[in-house]
PDB file of all heavy atoms in Angstrom:
ATOM      1  N   ASN A   1       0.852  -1.201   0.008  1.00  0.00           N
ATOM      2  CA  ASN A   1       0.022  -0.002   0.005  1.00  0.00           C
ATOM      3  C   ASN A   1       0.864   1.228   0.002  1.00  0.00           C
ATOM      4  O   ASN A   1       0.788   2.103   0.882  1.00  0.00           O
ATOM      5  CB  ASN A   1      -0.942   0.018   1.235  1.00  0.00           C
ATOM      6  CG  ASN A   1      -2.178   0.812   0.971  1.00  0.00           C
ATOM      7  OD1 ASN A   1      -2.215   1.630   0.040  1.00  0.00           O
ATOM      8  ND2 ASN A   1      -3.186   0.619   1.744  1.00  0.00           N
ATOM      9  N   THR A   2       1.727   1.350  -0.999  1.00  0.00           N
ATOM     10  CA  THR A   2       2.699   2.459  -1.086  1.00  0.00           C
ATOM     11  C   THR A   2       1.980   3.829  -1.253  1.00  0.00           C
ATOM     12  O   THR A   2       2.559   4.824  -0.866  1.00  0.00           O
ATOM     13  CB  THR A   2       3.676   2.201  -2.200  1.00  0.00           C
ATOM     14  OG1 THR A   2       2.999   1.983  -3.435  1.00  0.00           O
ATOM     15  CG2 THR A   2       4.514   0.943  -1.948  1.00  0.00           C
ATOM     16  N   SER A   3       0.827   3.791  -1.861  1.00  0.00           N
ATOM     17  CA  SER A   3       0.099   5.110  -2.044  1.00  0.00           C
ATOM     18  C   SER A   3      -0.321   5.697  -0.698  1.00  0.00           C
ATOM     19  O   SER A   3      -0.230   6.848  -0.485  1.00  0.00           O
ATOM     20  CB  SER A   3      -1.128   4.863  -2.888  1.00  0.00           C
ATOM     21  OG  SER A   3      -0.810   4.432  -4.180  1.00  0.00           O
ATOM     22  N   THR A   4      -0.701   4.761   0.252  1.00  0.00           N
ATOM     23  CA  THR A   4      -1.079   5.245   1.563  1.00  0.00           C
ATOM     24  C   THR A   4       0.185   5.741   2.326  1.00  0.00           C
ATOM     25  O   THR A   4       0.087   6.725   3.095  1.00  0.00           O
ATOM     26  CB  THR A   4      -1.729   4.056   2.366  1.00  0.00           C
ATOM     27  OG1 THR A   4      -2.935   3.725   1.768  1.00  0.00           O
ATOM     28  CG2 THR A   4      -1.987   4.459   3.817  1.00  0.00           C
ATOM     29  N   LEU A   5       1.287   5.090   2.098  1.00  0.00           N
ATOM     30  CA  LEU A   5       2.537   5.604   2.706  1.00  0.00           C
ATOM     31  C   LEU A   5       2.789   7.067   2.304  1.00  0.00           C
ATOM     32  O   LEU A   5       3.093   7.925   3.163  1.00  0.00           O
ATOM     33  CB  LEU A   5       3.726   4.734   2.325  1.00  0.00           C
ATOM     34  CG  LEU A   5       5.133   5.327   2.545  1.00  0.00           C
ATOM     35  CD1 LEU A   5       5.359   5.609   4.020  1.00  0.00           C
ATOM     36  CD2 LEU A   5       6.206   4.327   2.050  1.00  0.00           C
ATOM     37  N   LEU A   6       2.663   7.345   1.034  1.00  0.00           N
ATOM     38  CA  LEU A   6       2.865   8.730   0.567  1.00  0.00           C
ATOM     39  C   LEU A   6       1.835   9.693   1.161  1.00  0.00           C
ATOM     40  O   LEU A   6       2.204  10.822   1.457  1.00  0.00           O
ATOM     41  CB  LEU A   6       2.861   8.761  -0.985  1.00  0.00           C
ATOM     42  CG  LEU A   6       4.006   7.998  -1.689  1.00  0.00           C
ATOM     43  CD1 LEU A   6       3.844   8.106  -3.174  1.00  0.00           C
ATOM     44  CD2 LEU A   6       5.353   8.429  -1.199  1.00  0.00           C
ATOM     45  N   LEU A   7       0.619   9.223   1.304  1.00  0.00           N
ATOM     46  CA  LEU A   7      -0.392  10.090   1.962  1.00  0.00           C
ATOM     47  C   LEU A   7      -0.021  10.333   3.411  1.00  0.00           C
ATOM     48  O   LEU A   7      -0.206  11.463   3.914  1.00  0.00           O
ATOM     49  CB  LEU A   7      -1.723   9.391   1.897  1.00  0.00           C
ATOM     50  CG  LEU A   7      -2.452   9.328   0.512  1.00  0.00           C
ATOM     51  CD1 LEU A   7      -3.708   8.534   0.564  1.00  0.00           C
ATOM     52  CD2 LEU A   7      -2.737  10.726   0.018  1.00  0.00           C
ATOM     53  N   ASN A   8       0.541   9.329   4.021  1.00  0.00           N
ATOM     54  CA  ASN A   8       1.002   9.505   5.436  1.00  0.00           C
ATOM     55  C   ASN A   8       2.013  10.609   5.574  1.00  0.00           C
ATOM     56  O   ASN A   8       2.139  11.294   6.601  1.00  0.00           O
ATOM     57  CB  ASN A   8       1.605   8.211   5.985  1.00  0.00           C
ATOM     58  CG  ASN A   8       0.592   7.120   6.248  1.00  0.00           C
ATOM     59  OD1 ASN A   8      -0.660   7.375   6.257  1.00  0.00           O
ATOM     60  ND2 ASN A   8       1.007   5.893   6.409  1.00  0.00           N
ATOM     61  N   MET A   9       2.854  10.736   4.523  1.00  0.00           N
ATOM     62  CA  MET A   9       3.910  11.740   4.552  1.00  0.00           C
ATOM     63  C   MET A   9       3.447  13.230   4.387  1.00  0.00           C
ATOM     64  O   MET A   9       4.201  14.119   4.693  1.00  0.00           O
ATOM     65  CB  MET A   9       5.010  11.432   3.498  1.00  0.00           C
ATOM     66  CG  MET A   9       5.725  10.126   3.773  1.00  0.00           C
ATOM     67  SD  MET A   9       6.974   9.816   2.508  1.00  0.00           S
ATOM     68  CE  MET A   9       8.159  11.116   2.799  1.00  0.00           C
ATOM     69  N   ALA A  10       2.213  13.345   3.903  1.00  0.00           N
ATOM     70  CA  ALA A  10       1.643  14.710   3.727  1.00  0.00           C
ATOM     71  C   ALA A  10       2.610  15.580   3.011  1.00  0.00           C
ATOM     72  O   ALA A  10       2.982  16.703   3.484  1.00  0.00           O
ATOM     73  CB  ALA A  10       1.235  15.254   5.038  1.00  0.00           C
ATOM     74  N   ILE A  11       3.025  15.180   1.831  1.00  0.00           N
ATOM     75  CA  ILE A  11       4.096  15.916   1.038  1.00  0.00           C
ATOM     76  C   ILE A  11       3.540  17.214   0.518  1.00  0.00           C
ATOM     77  O   ILE A  11       2.548  17.229  -0.152  1.00  0.00           O
ATOM     78  CB  ILE A  11       4.643  14.994  -0.049  1.00  0.00           C
ATOM     79  CG1 ILE A  11       5.353  13.833   0.543  1.00  0.00           C
ATOM     80  CG2 ILE A  11       5.580  15.796  -0.977  1.00  0.00           C
ATOM     81  CD1 ILE A  11       5.772  12.764  -0.479  1.00  0.00           C
ATOM     82  N   ASP A  12       4.228  18.272   0.833  1.00  0.00           N
ATOM     83  CA  ASP A  12       3.872  19.621   0.298  1.00  0.00           C
ATOM     84  C   ASP A  12       4.631  19.856  -1.024  1.00  0.00           C
ATOM     85  O   ASP A  12       5.738  19.336  -1.206  1.00  0.00           O
ATOM     86  CB  ASP A  12       4.308  20.717   1.308  1.00  0.00           C
ATOM     87  CG  ASP A  12       3.414  20.705   2.566  1.00  0.00           C
ATOM     88  OD1 ASP A  12       2.188  20.390   2.421  1.00  0.00           O
ATOM     89  OD2 ASP A  12       3.933  21.010   3.637  1.00  0.00           O
ATOM     90  N   PRO A  13       4.091  20.693  -1.896  1.00  0.00           N
ATOM     91  CA  PRO A  13       4.737  20.940  -3.207  1.00  0.00           C
ATOM     92  C   PRO A  13       6.178  21.441  -3.095  1.00  0.00           C
ATOM     93  O   PRO A  13       6.973  21.175  -3.958  1.00  0.00           O
ATOM     94  CB  PRO A  13       3.820  22.023  -3.837  1.00  0.00           C
ATOM     95  CG  PRO A  13       2.499  21.788  -3.247  1.00  0.00           C
ATOM     96  CD  PRO A  13       2.779  21.402  -1.792  1.00  0.00           C
ATOM     97  N   GLU A  14       6.529  22.128  -2.009  1.00  0.00           N
ATOM     98  CA  GLU A  14       7.830  22.730  -1.896  1.00  0.00           C
ATOM     99  C   GLU A  14       8.769  21.911  -0.925  1.00  0.00           C
ATOM    100  O   GLU A  14       9.842  22.364  -0.612  1.00  0.00           O
ATOM    101  CB  GLU A  14       7.746  24.182  -1.389  1.00  0.00           C
ATOM    102  CG  GLU A  14       7.032  25.069  -2.395  1.00  0.00           C
ATOM    103  CD  GLU A  14       6.983  26.511  -1.932  1.00  0.00           C
ATOM    104  OE1 GLU A  14       7.360  26.802  -0.763  1.00  0.00           O
ATOM    105  OE2 GLU A  14       6.504  27.374  -2.676  1.00  0.00           O
ATOM    106  N   ASP A  15       8.371  20.771  -0.553  1.00  0.00           N
ATOM    107  CA  ASP A  15       9.162  19.945   0.382  1.00  0.00           C
ATOM    108  C   ASP A  15      10.488  19.518  -0.220  1.00  0.00           C
ATOM    109  O   ASP A  15      10.588  19.259  -1.430  1.00  0.00           O
ATOM    110  CB  ASP A  15       8.449  18.682   0.779  1.00  0.00           C
ATOM    111  CG  ASP A  15       7.560  18.829   1.984  1.00  0.00           C
ATOM    112  OD1 ASP A  15       7.702  19.881   2.723  1.00  0.00           O
ATOM    113  OD2 ASP A  15       6.755  17.946   2.306  1.00  0.00           O
ATOM    114  N   ILE A  16      11.515  19.495   0.621  1.00  0.00           N
ATOM    115  CA  ILE A  16      12.816  18.929   0.273  1.00  0.00           C
ATOM    116  C   ILE A  16      12.960  17.656   1.025  1.00  0.00           C
ATOM    117  O   ILE A  16      12.951  17.657   2.275  1.00  0.00           O
ATOM    118  CB  ILE A  16      13.950  19.915   0.617  1.00  0.00           C
ATOM    119  CG1 ILE A  16      13.744  21.240  -0.174  1.00  0.00           C
ATOM    120  CG2 ILE A  16      15.298  19.289   0.308  1.00  0.00           C
ATOM    121  CD1 ILE A  16      14.749  22.282   0.185  1.00  0.00           C
ATOM    122  N   ILE A  17      13.058  16.543   0.336  1.00  0.00           N
ATOM    123  CA  ILE A  17      12.956  15.259   0.935  1.00  0.00           C
ATOM    124  C   ILE A  17      14.139  14.360   0.492  1.00  0.00           C
ATOM    125  O   ILE A  17      14.592  14.431  -0.638  1.00  0.00           O
ATOM    126  CB  ILE A  17      11.635  14.508   0.514  1.00  0.00           C
ATOM    127  CG1 ILE A  17      10.444  15.371   0.871  1.00  0.00           C
ATOM    128  CG2 ILE A  17      11.540  13.103   1.177  1.00  0.00           C
ATOM    129  CD1 ILE A  17       9.136  14.836   0.267  1.00  0.00           C
ATOM    130  N   ALA A  18      14.683  13.542   1.383  1.00  0.00           N
ATOM    131  CA  ALA A  18      15.700  12.598   1.040  1.00  0.00           C
ATOM    132  C   ALA A  18      15.126  11.195   1.238  1.00  0.00           C
ATOM    133  O   ALA A  18      14.642  10.817   2.303  1.00  0.00           O
ATOM    134  CB  ALA A  18      16.986  12.803   1.960  1.00  0.00           C
ATOM    135  N   ASP A  19      15.325  10.402   0.192  1.00  0.00           N
ATOM    136  CA  ASP A  19      15.035   8.970   0.248  1.00  0.00           C
ATOM    137  C   ASP A  19      16.335   8.254   0.482  1.00  0.00           C
ATOM    138  O   ASP A  19      17.206   8.148  -0.462  1.00  0.00           O
ATOM    139  CB  ASP A  19      14.380   8.497  -1.009  1.00  0.00           C
ATOM    140  CG  ASP A  19      13.920   7.056  -0.980  1.00  0.00           C
ATOM    141  OD1 ASP A  19      14.293   6.282  -0.020  1.00  0.00           O
ATOM    142  OD2 ASP A  19      13.112   6.648  -1.840  1.00  0.00           O
ATOM    143  N   ILE A  20      16.536   7.788   1.702  1.00  0.00           N
ATOM    144  CA  ILE A  20      17.834   7.191   2.048  1.00  0.00           C
ATOM    145  C   ILE A  20      17.748   5.691   1.763  1.00  0.00           C
ATOM    146  O   ILE A  20      16.874   4.964   2.284  1.00  0.00           O
ATOM    147  CB  ILE A  20      18.174   7.396   3.551  1.00  0.00           C
ATOM    148  CG1 ILE A  20      18.094   8.873   3.891  1.00  0.00           C
ATOM    149  CG2 ILE A  20      19.618   6.863   3.831  1.00  0.00           C
ATOM    150  CD1 ILE A  20      18.971   9.795   3.131  1.00  0.00           C
ATOM    151  N   GLY A  21      18.656   5.149   0.930  1.00  0.00           N
ATOM    152  CA  GLY A  21      18.534   3.799   0.473  1.00  0.00           C
ATOM    153  C   GLY A  21      17.464   3.743  -0.599  1.00  0.00           C
ATOM    154  O   GLY A  21      16.569   2.920  -0.584  1.00  0.00           O
ATOM    155  N   ALA A  22      17.542   4.631  -1.530  1.00  0.00           N
ATOM    156  CA  ALA A  22      16.517   4.819  -2.503  1.00  0.00           C
ATOM    157  C   ALA A  22      16.373   3.697  -3.495  1.00  0.00           C
ATOM    158  O   ALA A  22      15.331   3.523  -4.231  1.00  0.00           O
ATOM    159  CB  ALA A  22      16.784   6.126  -3.345  1.00  0.00           C
ATOM    160  N   GLY A  23      17.390   2.786  -3.607  1.00  0.00           N
ATOM    161  CA  GLY A  23      17.265   1.645  -4.481  1.00  0.00           C
ATOM    162  C   GLY A  23      17.075   2.032  -5.942  1.00  0.00           C
ATOM    163  O   GLY A  23      17.819   2.896  -6.456  1.00  0.00           O
ATOM    164  N   SER A  24      16.098   1.494  -6.589  1.00  0.00           N
ATOM    165  CA  SER A  24      15.827   1.732  -7.995  1.00  0.00           C
ATOM    166  C   SER A  24      15.012   3.043  -8.177  1.00  0.00           C
ATOM    167  O   SER A  24      14.724   3.382  -9.362  1.00  0.00           O
ATOM    168  CB  SER A  24      15.101   0.588  -8.626  1.00  0.00           C
ATOM    169  OG  SER A  24      13.852   0.355  -7.951  1.00  0.00           O
ATOM    170  N   GLY A  25      14.609   3.683  -7.117  1.00  0.00           N
ATOM    171  CA  GLY A  25      13.841   4.954  -7.219  1.00  0.00           C
ATOM    172  C   GLY A  25      12.380   4.758  -7.166  1.00  0.00           C
ATOM    173  O   GLY A  25      11.602   5.670  -7.527  1.00  0.00           O
ATOM    174  N   TYR A  26      11.886   3.617  -6.716  1.00  0.00           N
ATOM    175  CA  TYR A  26      10.425   3.342  -6.652  1.00  0.00           C
ATOM    176  C   TYR A  26       9.652   4.483  -5.980  1.00  0.00           C
ATOM    177  O   TYR A  26       8.630   4.946  -6.515  1.00  0.00           O
ATOM    178  CB  TYR A  26      10.204   2.050  -5.951  1.00  0.00           C
ATOM    179  CG  TYR A  26       8.764   1.595  -5.889  1.00  0.00           C
ATOM    180  CD1 TYR A  26       8.217   0.833  -6.945  1.00  0.00           C
ATOM    181  CD2 TYR A  26       7.948   1.929  -4.778  1.00  0.00           C
ATOM    182  CE1 TYR A  26       6.870   0.482  -6.926  1.00  0.00           C
ATOM    183  CE2 TYR A  26       6.597   1.552  -4.787  1.00  0.00           C
ATOM    184  CZ  TYR A  26       6.064   0.828  -5.826  1.00  0.00           C
ATOM    185  OH  TYR A  26       4.747   0.457  -5.784  1.00  0.00           O
TER     186      TYR A  26
END
């Protein structure tokens, strides 16, 4: 349920985010 994970993050349009261990970029 990766879509729900992103909703949990409440990402704003101007957010600066680091994906640590990003792998293939999923």
